[in-house]
Protein backbone atom coordinates (compact mmCIF):
# COMPACT_ATOMS: atom_id res chain seq x y z
CA UNK A 1 0.00 0.00 0.00
CA UNK A 2 1.41 3.37 -1.02
CA UNK A 3 1.81 5.87 1.79
CA UNK A 4 0.33 9.34 1.66
CA UNK A 5 2.62 12.02 0.32
CA UNK A 6 5.60 12.52 2.59
CA UNK A 7 6.23 15.83 4.30
CA UNK A 8 7.59 18.40 1.82
CA UNK A 9 11.33 17.98 1.42
CA UNK A 10 14.17 18.90 -0.91
CA UNK A 11 16.97 16.83 -2.40
CA UNK A 12 20.34 17.37 -4.01
CA UNK A 13 20.65 15.75 -7.42
CA UNK A 14 24.44 15.70 -7.18
CA UNK A 15 26.54 12.85 -5.92
CA UNK A 16 25.81 13.44 -2.22
CA UNK A 17 22.04 12.83 -2.55
CA UNK A 18 21.41 15.09 0.43
CA UNK A 19 17.88 15.58 1.79
CA UNK A 20 16.55 18.62 3.67
CA UNK A 21 13.21 19.60 5.18
CA UNK A 22 13.82 23.22 4.17
CA UNK A 23 14.73 24.76 0.81
CA UNK A 24 18.33 25.80 0.36
CA UNK A 25 21.54 24.82 -1.39
CA UNK A 26 23.75 21.75 -1.20
CA UNK A 27 26.11 22.08 1.74
CA UNK A 28 28.36 19.12 0.90
CA UNK A 29 31.77 20.46 -0.27
CA UNK A 30 32.58 17.20 -2.11
CA UNK A 31 29.34 17.20 -4.13
CA UNK A 32 29.31 18.13 -7.83
CA UNK A 33 26.28 20.37 -7.09
CA UNK A 34 27.76 22.11 -4.03
CA UNK A 35 26.06 25.51 -3.55
CA UNK A 36 23.37 24.64 -6.14
CA UNK A 37 19.70 24.77 -5.17
CA UNK A 38 18.06 21.72 -3.69
CA UNK A 39 15.08 20.48 -5.72
CA UNK A 40 11.61 20.01 -4.25
CA UNK A 41 11.03 16.28 -4.17
CA UNK A 42 7.67 15.01 -5.43
CA UNK A 43 8.16 11.45 -4.12
CA UNK A 44 5.43 9.67 -2.21
CA UNK A 45 7.44 6.71 -0.96
CA UNK A 46 10.41 8.40 0.73
CA UNK A 47 12.81 6.90 -1.82
CA UNK A 48 13.06 10.06 -3.93
CA UNK A 49 12.39 7.95 -7.05
CA UNK A 50 15.76 6.33 -6.30
CA UNK A 51 17.23 9.64 -7.48
CA UNK A 52 16.19 9.11 -11.09
CA UNK A 53 17.05 12.62 -12.27
CA UNK A 54 14.62 12.35 -15.20
CA UNK A 55 11.69 12.48 -12.76
CA UNK A 56 12.77 15.80 -11.22
CA UNK A 57 12.46 19.31 -12.57
CA UNK A 58 15.93 20.48 -11.57
CA UNK A 59 16.94 24.10 -11.57
CA UNK A 60 20.56 25.22 -11.27
PDB file of N, CA and C in Angstrom:
ATOM      1  N   UNK A   1       0.837  -1.185   0.000  1.00  0.00           N
ATOM      2  CA  UNK A   1       0.000   0.000   0.000  1.00  0.00           C
ATOM      3  C   UNK A   1       0.875   1.238   0.000  1.00  0.00           C
ATOM      4  N   UNK A   2       0.613   2.162  -0.909  1.00  0.00           N
ATOM      5  CA  UNK A   2       1.408   3.372  -1.016  1.00  0.00           C
ATOM      6  C   UNK A   2       1.029   4.343   0.097  1.00  0.00           C
ATOM      7  N   UNK A   3       2.041   4.908   0.725  1.00  0.00           N
ATOM      8  CA  UNK A   3       1.807   5.865   1.788  1.00  0.00           C
ATOM      9  C   UNK A   3       1.332   7.186   1.216  1.00  0.00           C
ATOM     10  N   UNK A   4       0.685   7.991   2.071  1.00  0.00           N
ATOM     11  CA  UNK A   4       0.326   9.338   1.664  1.00  0.00           C
ATOM     12  C   UNK A   4       1.607  10.110   1.391  1.00  0.00           C
ATOM     13  N   UNK A   5       1.456  11.217   0.666  1.00  0.00           N
ATOM     14  CA  UNK A   5       2.619  12.020   0.322  1.00  0.00           C
ATOM     15  C   UNK A   5       3.406  12.381   1.576  1.00  0.00           C
ATOM     16  N   UNK A   6       4.701  12.203   1.492  1.00  0.00           N
ATOM     17  CA  UNK A   6       5.601  12.523   2.590  1.00  0.00           C
ATOM     18  C   UNK A   6       5.596  14.029   2.830  1.00  0.00           C
ATOM     19  N   UNK A   7       6.070  14.426   3.996  1.00  0.00           N
ATOM     20  CA  UNK A   7       6.230  15.834   4.299  1.00  0.00           C
ATOM     21  C   UNK A   7       7.107  16.470   3.220  1.00  0.00           C
ATOM     22  N   UNK A   8       6.815  17.705   2.847  1.00  0.00           N
ATOM     23  CA  UNK A   8       7.591  18.399   1.822  1.00  0.00           C
ATOM     24  C   UNK A   8       9.071  18.375   2.187  1.00  0.00           C
ATOM     25  N   UNK A   9       9.895  18.030   1.204  1.00  0.00           N
ATOM     26  CA  UNK A   9      11.330  17.978   1.423  1.00  0.00           C
ATOM     27  C   UNK A   9      12.051  18.249   0.110  1.00  0.00           C
ATOM     28  N   UNK A  10      13.342  18.480   0.220  1.00  0.00           N
ATOM     29  CA  UNK A  10      14.166  18.897  -0.906  1.00  0.00           C
ATOM     30  C   UNK A  10      15.387  17.989  -0.986  1.00  0.00           C
ATOM     31  N   UNK A  11      15.839  17.728  -2.200  1.00  0.00           N
ATOM     32  CA  UNK A  11      16.967  16.826  -2.395  1.00  0.00           C
ATOM     33  C   UNK A  11      18.024  17.463  -3.290  1.00  0.00           C
ATOM     34  N   UNK A  12      19.243  16.979  -3.130  1.00  0.00           N
ATOM     35  CA  UNK A  12      20.335  17.371  -4.013  1.00  0.00           C
ATOM     36  C   UNK A  12      20.449  16.295  -5.081  1.00  0.00           C
ATOM     37  N   UNK A  13      20.530  16.709  -6.325  1.00  0.00           N
ATOM     38  CA  UNK A  13      20.653  15.755  -7.421  1.00  0.00           C
ATOM     39  C   UNK A  13      22.106  15.494  -7.799  1.00  0.00           C
ATOM     40  N   UNK A  14      23.014  15.979  -6.976  1.00  0.00           N
ATOM     41  CA  UNK A  14      24.436  15.704  -7.181  1.00  0.00           C
ATOM     42  C   UNK A  14      24.804  14.377  -6.545  1.00  0.00           C
ATOM     43  N   UNK A  15      26.053  14.119  -6.441  1.00  0.00           N
ATOM     44  CA  UNK A  15      26.536  12.846  -5.916  1.00  0.00           C
ATOM     45  C   UNK A  15      26.226  12.597  -4.452  1.00  0.00           C
ATOM     46  N   UNK A  16      26.015  13.649  -3.652  1.00  0.00           N
ATOM     47  CA  UNK A  16      25.808  13.442  -2.217  1.00  0.00           C
ATOM     48  C   UNK A  16      24.402  12.954  -1.886  1.00  0.00           C
ATOM     49  N   UNK A  17      23.440  13.232  -2.761  1.00  0.00           N
ATOM     50  CA  UNK A  17      22.040  12.829  -2.555  1.00  0.00           C
ATOM     51  C   UNK A  17      21.490  13.312  -1.213  1.00  0.00           C
ATOM     52  N   UNK A  18      21.866  14.508  -0.827  1.00  0.00           N
ATOM     53  CA  UNK A  18      21.413  15.088   0.433  1.00  0.00           C
ATOM     54  C   UNK A  18      19.919  15.364   0.423  1.00  0.00           C
ATOM     55  N   UNK A  19      19.311  15.330   1.610  1.00  0.00           N
ATOM     56  CA  UNK A  19      17.880  15.583   1.788  1.00  0.00           C
ATOM     57  C   UNK A  19      17.720  16.621   2.889  1.00  0.00           C
ATOM     58  N   UNK A  20      16.800  17.571   2.681  1.00  0.00           N
ATOM     59  CA  UNK A  20      16.552  18.618   3.666  1.00  0.00           C
ATOM     60  C   UNK A  20      15.056  18.873   3.782  1.00  0.00           C
ATOM     61  N   UNK A  21      14.614  19.238   4.969  1.00  0.00           N
ATOM     62  CA  UNK A  21      13.209  19.596   5.176  1.00  0.00           C
ATOM     63  C   UNK A  21      12.928  21.039   4.804  1.00  0.00           C
ATOM     64  N   UNK A  22      13.968  21.816   4.537  1.00  0.00           N
ATOM     65  CA  UNK A  22      13.816  23.221   4.167  1.00  0.00           C
ATOM     66  C   UNK A  22      14.535  23.486   2.855  1.00  0.00           C
ATOM     67  N   UNK A  23      14.043  24.440   2.049  1.00  0.00           N
ATOM     68  CA  UNK A  23      14.732  24.763   0.807  1.00  0.00           C
ATOM     69  C   UNK A  23      16.108  25.365   1.108  1.00  0.00           C
ATOM     70  N   UNK A  24      16.996  25.243   0.172  1.00  0.00           N
ATOM     71  CA  UNK A  24      18.335  25.795   0.358  1.00  0.00           C
ATOM     72  C   UNK A  24      19.256  25.313  -0.730  1.00  0.00           C
ATOM     73  N   UNK A  25      20.538  25.276  -0.431  1.00  0.00           N
ATOM     74  CA  UNK A  25      21.541  24.817  -1.389  1.00  0.00           C
ATOM     75  C   UNK A  25      22.296  23.637  -0.795  1.00  0.00           C
ATOM     76  N   UNK A  26      22.947  22.883  -1.661  1.00  0.00           N
ATOM     77  CA  UNK A  26      23.746  21.750  -1.203  1.00  0.00           C
ATOM     78  C   UNK A  26      24.913  22.258  -0.355  1.00  0.00           C
ATOM     79  N   UNK A  27      25.062  21.676   0.804  1.00  0.00           N
ATOM     80  CA  UNK A  27      26.113  22.079   1.738  1.00  0.00           C
ATOM     81  C   UNK A  27      27.327  21.158   1.713  1.00  0.00           C
ATOM     82  N   UNK A  28      27.279  20.096   0.925  1.00  0.00           N
ATOM     83  CA  UNK A  28      28.364  19.121   0.901  1.00  0.00           C
ATOM     84  C   UNK A  28      29.498  19.597  -0.013  1.00  0.00           C
ATOM     85  N   UNK A  29      30.671  19.917   0.549  1.00  0.00           N
ATOM     86  CA  UNK A  29      31.766  20.459  -0.271  1.00  0.00           C
ATOM     87  C   UNK A  29      32.286  19.488  -1.330  1.00  0.00           C
ATOM     88  N   UNK A  30      32.091  18.189  -1.141  1.00  0.00           N
ATOM     89  CA  UNK A  30      32.576  17.203  -2.108  1.00  0.00           C
ATOM     90  C   UNK A  30      31.574  16.901  -3.222  1.00  0.00           C
ATOM     91  N   UNK A  31      30.398  17.482  -3.162  1.00  0.00           N
ATOM     92  CA  UNK A  31      29.340  17.204  -4.135  1.00  0.00           C
ATOM     93  C   UNK A  31      29.527  18.030  -5.403  1.00  0.00           C
ATOM     94  N   UNK A  32      29.220  17.430  -6.543  1.00  0.00           N
ATOM     95  CA  UNK A  32      29.309  18.130  -7.827  1.00  0.00           C
ATOM     96  C   UNK A  32      28.338  19.310  -7.894  1.00  0.00           C
ATOM     97  N   UNK A  33      27.267  19.285  -7.089  1.00  0.00           N
ATOM     98  CA  UNK A  33      26.280  20.371  -7.091  1.00  0.00           C
ATOM     99  C   UNK A  33      26.365  21.212  -5.813  1.00  0.00           C
ATOM    100  N   UNK A  34      27.536  21.269  -5.210  1.00  0.00           N
ATOM    101  CA  UNK A  34      27.759  22.106  -4.026  1.00  0.00           C
ATOM    102  C   UNK A  34      27.347  23.545  -4.335  1.00  0.00           C
ATOM    103  N   UNK A  35      26.581  24.140  -3.434  1.00  0.00           N
ATOM    104  CA  UNK A  35      26.064  25.508  -3.554  1.00  0.00           C
ATOM    105  C   UNK A  35      24.992  25.662  -4.631  1.00  0.00           C
ATOM    106  N   UNK A  36      24.493  24.575  -5.202  1.00  0.00           N
ATOM    107  CA  UNK A  36      23.371  24.635  -6.137  1.00  0.00           C
ATOM    108  C   UNK A  36      22.087  24.391  -5.343  1.00  0.00           C
ATOM    109  N   UNK A  37      20.991  24.924  -5.837  1.00  0.00           N
ATOM    110  CA  UNK A  37      19.699  24.771  -5.165  1.00  0.00           C
ATOM    111  C   UNK A  37      19.273  23.324  -5.035  1.00  0.00           C
ATOM    112  N   UNK A  38      18.700  23.011  -3.874  1.00  0.00           N
ATOM    113  CA  UNK A  38      18.061  21.720  -3.693  1.00  0.00           C
ATOM    114  C   UNK A  38      16.747  21.743  -4.464  1.00  0.00           C
ATOM    115  N   UNK A  39      16.285  20.604  -4.898  1.00  0.00           N
ATOM    116  CA  UNK A  39      15.083  20.482  -5.718  1.00  0.00           C
ATOM    117  C   UNK A  39      13.946  19.922  -4.861  1.00  0.00           C
ATOM    118  N   UNK A  40      12.770  20.526  -4.973  1.00  0.00           N
ATOM    119  CA  UNK A  40      11.610  20.013  -4.248  1.00  0.00           C
ATOM    120  C   UNK A  40      11.323  18.602  -4.742  1.00  0.00           C
ATOM    121  N   UNK A  41      11.201  17.680  -3.814  1.00  0.00           N
ATOM    122  CA  UNK A  41      11.030  16.275  -4.170  1.00  0.00           C
ATOM    123  C   UNK A  41       9.542  15.911  -4.204  1.00  0.00           C
ATOM    124  N   UNK A  42       9.076  15.381  -5.310  1.00  0.00           N
ATOM    125  CA  UNK A  42       7.666  15.005  -5.430  1.00  0.00           C
ATOM    126  C   UNK A  42       7.383  13.560  -5.022  1.00  0.00           C
ATOM    127  N   UNK A  43       8.358  12.871  -4.412  1.00  0.00           N
ATOM    128  CA  UNK A  43       8.163  11.454  -4.123  1.00  0.00           C
ATOM    129  C   UNK A  43       7.053  11.228  -3.097  1.00  0.00           C
ATOM    130  N   UNK A  44       6.484  10.056  -3.154  1.00  0.00           N
ATOM    131  CA  UNK A  44       5.431   9.670  -2.210  1.00  0.00           C
ATOM    132  C   UNK A  44       5.854   8.473  -1.369  1.00  0.00           C
ATOM    133  N   UNK A  45       7.023   7.912  -1.670  1.00  0.00           N
ATOM    134  CA  UNK A  45       7.441   6.708  -0.958  1.00  0.00           C
ATOM    135  C   UNK A  45       8.696   6.910  -0.110  1.00  0.00           C
ATOM    136  N   UNK A  46       9.220   8.135  -0.057  1.00  0.00           N
ATOM    137  CA  UNK A  46      10.414   8.403   0.728  1.00  0.00           C
ATOM    138  C   UNK A  46      11.697   7.927   0.074  1.00  0.00           C
ATOM    139  N   UNK A  47      11.612   7.402  -1.125  1.00  0.00           N
ATOM    140  CA  UNK A  47      12.805   6.902  -1.822  1.00  0.00           C
ATOM    141  C   UNK A  47      13.315   7.883  -2.863  1.00  0.00           C
ATOM    142  N   UNK A  48      12.644   9.002  -3.003  1.00  0.00           N
ATOM    143  CA  UNK A  48      13.055  10.060  -3.929  1.00  0.00           C
ATOM    144  C   UNK A  48      13.239   9.506  -5.335  1.00  0.00           C
ATOM    145  N   UNK A  49      12.343   8.599  -5.733  1.00  0.00           N
ATOM    146  CA  UNK A  49      12.391   7.954  -7.050  1.00  0.00           C
ATOM    147  C   UNK A  49      13.763   7.340  -7.290  1.00  0.00           C
ATOM    148  N   UNK A  50      14.407   6.887  -6.212  1.00  0.00           N
ATOM    149  CA  UNK A  50      15.757   6.333  -6.302  1.00  0.00           C
ATOM    150  C   UNK A  50      16.693   7.286  -7.044  1.00  0.00           C
ATOM    151  N   UNK A  51      16.432   8.571  -6.889  1.00  0.00           N
ATOM    152  CA  UNK A  51      17.229   9.643  -7.480  1.00  0.00           C
ATOM    153  C   UNK A  51      17.339   9.515  -8.994  1.00  0.00           C
ATOM    154  N   UNK A  52      16.253   9.118  -9.626  1.00  0.00           N
ATOM    155  CA  UNK A  52      16.193   9.111 -11.088  1.00  0.00           C
ATOM    156  C   UNK A  52      16.002  10.568 -11.510  1.00  0.00           C
ATOM    157  N   UNK A  53      17.067  11.185 -11.972  1.00  0.00           N
ATOM    158  CA  UNK A  53      17.048  12.616 -12.272  1.00  0.00           C
ATOM    159  C   UNK A  53      16.006  12.993 -13.331  1.00  0.00           C
ATOM    160  N   UNK A  54      15.604  12.062 -14.164  1.00  0.00           N
ATOM    161  CA  UNK A  54      14.624  12.348 -15.205  1.00  0.00           C
ATOM    162  C   UNK A  54      13.254  12.683 -14.619  1.00  0.00           C
ATOM    163  N   UNK A  55      13.011  12.268 -13.380  1.00  0.00           N
ATOM    164  CA  UNK A  55      11.693  12.483 -12.764  1.00  0.00           C
ATOM    165  C   UNK A  55      11.624  13.795 -11.982  1.00  0.00           C
ATOM    166  N   UNK A  56      12.731  14.529 -11.928  1.00  0.00           N
ATOM    167  CA  UNK A  56      12.766  15.804 -11.216  1.00  0.00           C
ATOM    168  C   UNK A  56      12.841  16.955 -12.210  1.00  0.00           C
ATOM    169  N   UNK A  57      12.318  18.082 -11.785  1.00  0.00           N
ATOM    170  CA  UNK A  57      12.459  19.308 -12.566  1.00  0.00           C
ATOM    171  C   UNK A  57      13.543  20.118 -11.876  1.00  0.00           C
ATOM    172  N   UNK A  58      14.782  19.847 -12.239  1.00  0.00           N
ATOM    173  CA  UNK A  58      15.925  20.485 -11.568  1.00  0.00           C
ATOM    174  C   UNK A  58      16.179  21.874 -12.120  1.00  0.00           C
ATOM    175  N   UNK A  59      16.498  22.761 -11.209  1.00  0.00           N
ATOM    176  CA  UNK A  59      16.936  24.097 -11.572  1.00  0.00           C
ATOM    177  C   UNK A  59      18.331  24.283 -11.012  1.00  0.00           C
ATOM    178  N   UNK A  60      19.170  24.987 -11.727  1.00  0.00           N
ATOM    179  CA  UNK A  60      20.555  25.220 -11.265  1.00  0.00           C
ATOM    180  C   UNK A  60      20.571  26.141 -10.085  1.00  0.00           C
TER     181      UNK A  60
END
